[in-house]
C-alpha atoms as a PDB file:
ATOM      1  CA  MET A   1     -51.051 168.153 -45.728  1.00  0.00           C
ATOM      2  CA  ALA A   2     -49.253 169.010 -48.969  1.00  0.00           C
ATOM      3  CA  GLU A   3     -49.542 166.723 -51.948  1.00  0.00           C
ATOM      4  CA  PRO A   4     -46.258 164.942 -52.819  1.00  0.00           C
ATOM      5  CA  ARG A   5     -44.492 166.417 -55.833  1.00  0.00           C
ATOM      6  CA  LYS A   6     -44.254 164.374 -58.989  1.00  0.00           C
ATOM      7  CA  LYS A   7     -40.806 163.499 -60.214  1.00  0.00           C
ATOM      8  CA  ALA A   8     -39.922 165.513 -63.315  1.00  0.00           C
ATOM      9  CA  LEU A   9     -39.469 163.719 -66.614  1.00  0.00           C
ATOM     10  CA  ILE A  10     -35.995 163.644 -68.130  1.00  0.00           C
ATOM     11  CA  SER A  11     -35.748 165.807 -71.236  1.00  0.00           C
ATOM     12  CA  HIS A  12     -31.992 165.427 -71.663  1.00  0.00           C
ATOM     13  CA  GLY A  13     -29.296 163.715 -69.633  1.00  0.00           C
ATOM     14  CA  THR A  14     -28.900 160.264 -68.140  1.00  0.00           C
ATOM     15  CA  ALA A  15     -32.017 158.094 -67.934  1.00  0.00           C
ATOM     16  CA  ALA A  16     -30.366 154.842 -66.745  1.00  0.00           C
ATOM     17  CA  GLN A  17     -26.854 153.896 -65.771  1.00  0.00           C
ATOM     18  CA  ASN A  18     -24.985 150.598 -65.408  1.00  0.00           C
ATOM     19  CA  ARG A  19     -22.843 151.481 -62.407  1.00  0.00           C
ATOM     20  CA  LYS A  20     -21.563 147.962 -61.864  1.00  0.00           C
ATOM     21  CA  ALA A  21     -20.103 147.740 -65.383  1.00  0.00           C
ATOM     22  CA  ARG A  22     -17.121 149.979 -64.564  1.00  0.00           C
ATOM     23  CA  PHE A  23     -16.374 147.803 -61.526  1.00  0.00           C
ATOM     24  CA  ASP A  24     -16.679 144.447 -63.333  1.00  0.00           C
ATOM     25  CA  TYR A  25     -15.017 145.492 -66.609  1.00  0.00           C
ATOM     26  CA  LYS A  26     -12.102 147.560 -67.832  1.00  0.00           C
ATOM     27  CA  ILE A  27     -13.661 149.871 -70.464  1.00  0.00           C
ATOM     28  CA  ASN A  28     -11.318 150.383 -73.433  1.00  0.00           C
ATOM     29  CA  GLU A  29     -13.488 152.430 -75.771  1.00  0.00           C
ATOM     30  CA  THR A  30     -16.986 153.919 -75.781  1.00  0.00           C
ATOM     31  CA  VAL A  31     -19.447 154.374 -78.654  1.00  0.00           C
ATOM     32  CA  GLU A  32     -22.798 156.160 -78.687  1.00  0.00           C
ATOM     33  CA  ALA A  33     -25.571 154.326 -80.544  1.00  0.00           C
ATOM     34  CA  GLY A  34     -29.228 155.006 -81.266  1.00  0.00           C
ATOM     35  CA  ILE A  35     -31.855 152.598 -80.020  1.00  0.00           C
ATOM     36  CA  VAL A  36     -35.183 151.537 -81.566  1.00  0.00           C
ATOM     37  CA  LEU A  37     -37.978 152.048 -79.023  1.00  0.00           C
ATOM     38  CA  VAL A  38     -41.770 152.145 -79.037  1.00  0.00           C
ATOM     39  CA  GLY A  39     -43.646 155.123 -77.574  1.00  0.00           C
ATOM     40  CA  PRO A  40     -44.379 153.831 -74.067  1.00  0.00           C
ATOM     41  CA  GLU A  41     -40.755 152.723 -73.672  1.00  0.00           C
ATOM     42  CA  VAL A  42     -39.620 156.303 -74.243  1.00  0.00           C
ATOM     43  CA  LYS A  43     -42.080 157.487 -71.576  1.00  0.00           C
ATOM     44  CA  SER A  44     -40.698 154.953 -69.086  1.00  0.00           C
ATOM     45  CA  LEU A  45     -37.138 156.041 -69.907  1.00  0.00           C
ATOM     46  CA  ARG A  46     -38.051 159.690 -69.412  1.00  0.00           C
ATOM     47  CA  ALA A  47     -39.430 158.751 -65.996  1.00  0.00           C
ATOM     48  CA  GLY A  48     -36.025 157.157 -65.227  1.00  0.00           C
ATOM     49  CA  ARG A  49     -37.395 153.660 -64.668  1.00  0.00           C
ATOM     50  CA  ALA A  50     -35.011 151.532 -66.766  1.00  0.00           C
ATOM     51  CA  ALA A  51     -32.352 149.107 -65.512  1.00  0.00           C
ATOM     52  CA  LEU A  52     -29.140 148.106 -67.293  1.00  0.00           C
ATOM     53  CA  ALA A  53     -27.695 145.837 -64.591  1.00  0.00           C
ATOM     54  CA  ASP A  54     -27.916 142.566 -66.563  1.00  0.00           C
ATOM     55  CA  ALA A  55     -27.911 144.066 -70.065  1.00  0.00           C
ATOM     56  CA  TRP A  56     -25.487 143.195 -72.835  1.00  0.00           C
ATOM     57  CA  ALA A  57     -25.118 143.877 -76.539  1.00  0.00           C
ATOM     58  CA  GLY A  58     -24.442 141.342 -79.232  1.00  0.00           C
ATOM     59  CA  GLU A  59     -24.803 140.436 -82.861  1.00  0.00           C
ATOM     60  CA  ARG A  60     -27.907 138.919 -84.435  1.00  0.00           C
ATOM     61  CA  ASP A  61     -28.310 138.588 -88.218  1.00  0.00           C
ATOM     62  CA  GLY A  62     -25.390 140.938 -88.890  1.00  0.00           C
ATOM     63  CA  GLU A  63     -26.819 143.737 -86.727  1.00  0.00           C
ATOM     64  CA  LEU A  64     -26.192 144.856 -83.162  1.00  0.00           C
ATOM     65  CA  TRP A  65     -28.945 144.313 -80.559  1.00  0.00           C
ATOM     66  CA  LEU A  66     -29.344 145.204 -76.907  1.00  0.00           C
ATOM     67  CA  PHE A  67     -30.434 142.223 -74.823  1.00  0.00           C
ATOM     68  CA  ASN A  68     -31.950 141.912 -71.346  1.00  0.00           C
ATOM     69  CA  THR A  69     -32.478 145.633 -70.760  1.00  0.00           C
ATOM     70  CA  TYR A  70     -35.397 146.201 -68.421  1.00  0.00           C
ATOM     71  CA  ILE A  71     -37.740 149.017 -69.465  1.00  0.00           C
ATOM     72  CA  PRO A  72     -41.052 148.610 -67.620  1.00  0.00           C
ATOM     73  CA  GLU A  73     -44.450 149.199 -69.204  1.00  0.00           C
ATOM     74  CA  TRP A  74     -45.826 152.726 -68.977  1.00  0.00           C
ATOM     75  CA  GLN A  75     -48.808 152.597 -66.619  1.00  0.00           C
ATOM     76  CA  ALA A  76     -50.169 156.127 -66.745  1.00  0.00           C
ATOM     77  CA  GLY A  77     -52.435 157.542 -69.435  1.00  0.00           C
ATOM     78  CA  SER A  78     -54.959 155.987 -71.761  1.00  0.00           C
ATOM     79  CA  PHE A  79     -52.439 154.738 -74.312  1.00  0.00           C
ATOM     80  CA  VAL A  80     -52.425 150.955 -73.959  1.00  0.00           C
ATOM     81  CA  ALA A  81     -49.604 149.339 -75.868  1.00  0.00           C
ATOM     82  CA  ARG A  82     -48.214 146.160 -74.380  1.00  0.00           C
ATOM     83  CA  PHE A  83     -44.598 145.221 -74.939  1.00  0.00           C
ATOM     84  CA  GLU A  84     -42.156 142.817 -73.373  1.00  0.00           C
ATOM     85  CA  PRO A  85     -40.067 144.700 -70.761  1.00  0.00           C
ATOM     86  CA  ARG A  86     -36.905 142.681 -71.519  1.00  0.00           C
ATOM     87  CA  ARG A  87     -37.325 142.338 -75.291  1.00  0.00           C
ATOM     88  CA  PRO A  88     -34.248 142.658 -77.566  1.00  0.00           C
ATOM     89  CA  ARG A  89     -33.889 146.187 -78.918  1.00  0.00           C
ATOM     90  CA  LYS A  90     -32.106 147.031 -82.152  1.00  0.00           C
ATOM     91  CA  LEU A  91     -29.149 149.400 -81.966  1.00  0.00           C
ATOM     92  CA  LEU A  92     -28.560 151.999 -84.665  1.00  0.00           C
ATOM     93  CA  LEU A  93     -24.959 152.471 -85.760  1.00  0.00           C
ATOM     94  CA  HIS A  94     -23.116 153.242 -88.952  1.00  0.00           C
ATOM     95  CA  ARG A  95     -22.246 150.039 -90.795  1.00  0.00           C
ATOM     96  CA  LYS A  96     -18.506 150.652 -90.359  1.00  0.00           C
ATOM     97  CA  GLN A  97     -18.876 151.116 -86.584  1.00  0.00           C
ATOM     98  CA  MET A  98     -20.987 147.969 -86.370  1.00  0.00           C
ATOM     99  CA  ARG A  99     -18.364 145.931 -88.261  1.00  0.00           C
ATOM    100  CA  GLU A 100     -15.608 147.247 -85.974  1.00  0.00           C
ATOM    101  CA  LEU A 101     -17.507 146.343 -82.809  1.00  0.00           C
ATOM    102  CA  ILE A 102     -18.514 142.876 -84.013  1.00  0.00           C
ATOM    103  CA  GLY A 103     -14.947 142.279 -85.246  1.00  0.00           C
ATOM    104  CA  ALA A 104     -13.473 143.281 -81.883  1.00  0.00           C
ATOM    105  CA  VAL A 105     -15.781 140.852 -80.086  1.00  0.00           C
ATOM    106  CA  THR A 106     -14.826 137.928 -82.348  1.00  0.00           C
ATOM    107  CA  ARG A 107     -11.091 138.708 -82.647  1.00  0.00           C
ATOM    108  CA  GLU A 108     -10.057 140.119 -79.302  1.00  0.00           C
ATOM    109  CA  GLY A 109     -12.609 138.446 -77.048  1.00  0.00           C
ATOM    110  CA  VAL A 110     -13.962 141.686 -75.598  1.00  0.00           C
ATOM    111  CA  THR A 111     -17.570 142.250 -74.562  1.00  0.00           C
ATOM    112  CA  ILE A 112     -19.943 145.040 -75.580  1.00  0.00           C
ATOM    113  CA  VAL A 113     -21.480 146.411 -72.365  1.00  0.00           C
ATOM    114  CA  PRO A 114     -24.152 149.143 -72.239  1.00  0.00           C
ATOM    115  CA  LEU A 115     -22.925 151.810 -69.805  1.00  0.00           C
ATOM    116  CA  GLU A 116     -25.863 154.231 -69.848  1.00  0.00           C
ATOM    117  CA  ILE A 117     -28.995 155.282 -71.658  1.00  0.00           C
ATOM    118  CA  LEU A 118     -29.276 159.021 -72.139  1.00  0.00           C
ATOM    119  CA  PHE A 119     -31.257 161.650 -73.976  1.00  0.00           C
ATOM    120  CA  ASN A 120     -29.133 163.954 -76.130  1.00  0.00           C
ATOM    121  CA  ASP A 121     -29.737 167.699 -76.575  1.00  0.00           C
ATOM    122  CA  ARG A 122     -32.348 166.977 -79.247  1.00  0.00           C
ATOM    123  CA  GLY A 123     -34.247 164.651 -76.882  1.00  0.00           C
ATOM    124  CA  ILE A 124     -33.306 161.437 -78.733  1.00  0.00           C
ATOM    125  CA  ALA A 125     -32.573 158.298 -76.693  1.00  0.00           C
ATOM    126  CA  LYS A 126     -29.022 156.993 -77.104  1.00  0.00           C
ATOM    127  CA  VAL A 127     -27.079 154.117 -75.556  1.00  0.00           C
ATOM    128  CA  VAL A 128     -23.424 154.489 -74.588  1.00  0.00           C
ATOM    129  CA  LEU A 129     -21.721 151.162 -75.306  1.00  0.00           C
ATOM    130  CA  GLY A 130     -18.331 150.204 -73.956  1.00  0.00           C
ATOM    131  CA  LEU A 131     -15.843 147.730 -75.410  1.00  0.00           C
ATOM    132  CA  ALA A 132     -14.873 145.964 -72.213  1.00  0.00           C
ATOM    133  CA  GLU A 133     -12.465 143.365 -70.913  1.00  0.00           C
ATOM    134  CA  GLY A 134     -13.413 141.443 -67.785  1.00  0.00           C
ATOM    135  CA  LYS A 135     -11.478 142.213 -64.603  1.00  0.00           C
ATOM    136  CA  THR A 136      -9.966 139.519 -62.412  1.00  0.00           C
ATOM    137  CA  LYS A 137     -10.784 139.211 -58.720  1.00  0.00           C
ATOM    138  CA  ALA A 138      -7.402 140.740 -57.875  1.00  0.00           C
ATOM    139  CA  ASP A 139      -8.147 143.767 -60.058  1.00  0.00           C
ATOM    140  CA  LYS A 140     -11.493 144.246 -58.325  1.00  0.00           C
ATOM    141  CA  ARG A 141      -9.871 144.006 -54.879  1.00  0.00           C
ATOM    142  CA  HIS A 142      -7.281 146.568 -55.941  1.00  0.00           C
ATOM    143  CA  ALA A 143     -10.033 148.933 -57.128  1.00  0.00           C
ATOM    144  CA  ILE A 144     -11.847 148.581 -53.777  1.00  0.00           C
ATOM    145  CA  ALA A 145      -8.613 149.258 -51.840  1.00  0.00           C
ATOM    146  CA  GLU A 146      -7.857 152.316 -54.006  1.00  0.00           C
ATOM    147  CA  ARG A 147     -11.397 153.679 -53.526  1.00  0.00           C
ATOM    148  CA  ASP A 148     -11.159 153.183 -49.737  1.00  0.00           C
ATOM    149  CA  TRP A 149      -7.768 154.924 -49.619  1.00  0.00           C
ATOM    150  CA  GLN A 150      -9.114 157.925 -51.582  1.00  0.00           C
ATOM    151  CA  ARG A 151     -12.069 158.170 -49.174  1.00  0.00           C
ATOM    152  CA  ASP A 152      -9.770 157.977 -46.100  1.00  0.00           C
ATOM    153  CA  LYS A 153      -7.373 160.510 -47.596  1.00  0.00           C
ATOM    154  CA  ALA A 154     -10.220 162.950 -48.228  1.00  0.00           C
ATOM    155  CA  ARG A 155     -11.467 162.459 -44.646  1.00  0.00           C
ATOM    156  CA  LEU A 156      -7.984 163.152 -43.229  1.00  0.00           C
ATOM    157  CA  MET A 157      -7.603 166.300 -45.334  1.00  0.00           C
ATOM    158  CA  ARG A 158     -11.018 167.544 -44.189  1.00  0.00           C
ATOM    159  CA  GLU A 159     -10.114 167.011 -40.513  1.00  0.00           C
ATOM    160  CA  ARG A 160      -6.749 168.785 -40.777  1.00  0.00           C
ATOM    161  CA  GLY A 161      -7.789 171.737 -42.913  1.00  0.00           C
END
């Protein structure tokens, strides 16, 4: 019997995605930010094992931090460095961008939601943040109805043509 193939590590592209964010929030603007990680966290990200479902970004001591992002410990290899999987991680932005984001949160009442973690062409981990407004239940129902209609329309077109 053949040995199961190992999943390839991600060198560039999406490592983790917050798919529910676009359903729960209306995204007004997106910003790409760097993220401070330790070595084993990068390995776990490259293996595609992170989760952004409950993550959020906010201010602490005048800087932007990513809270509640789950990056599990790297189990393979001899490198043993323990870290907290849900620890706050510092985000790297230009000071002007940081002021604009923090100002938008305090003035306009929007939320900073991490949409995805990706590796750029140079292999550096980045976080795509979205300035988001919460959707109402009616907006969510409308989005579901629109998605169902698009699916039905595509099915009808496939059957006829």
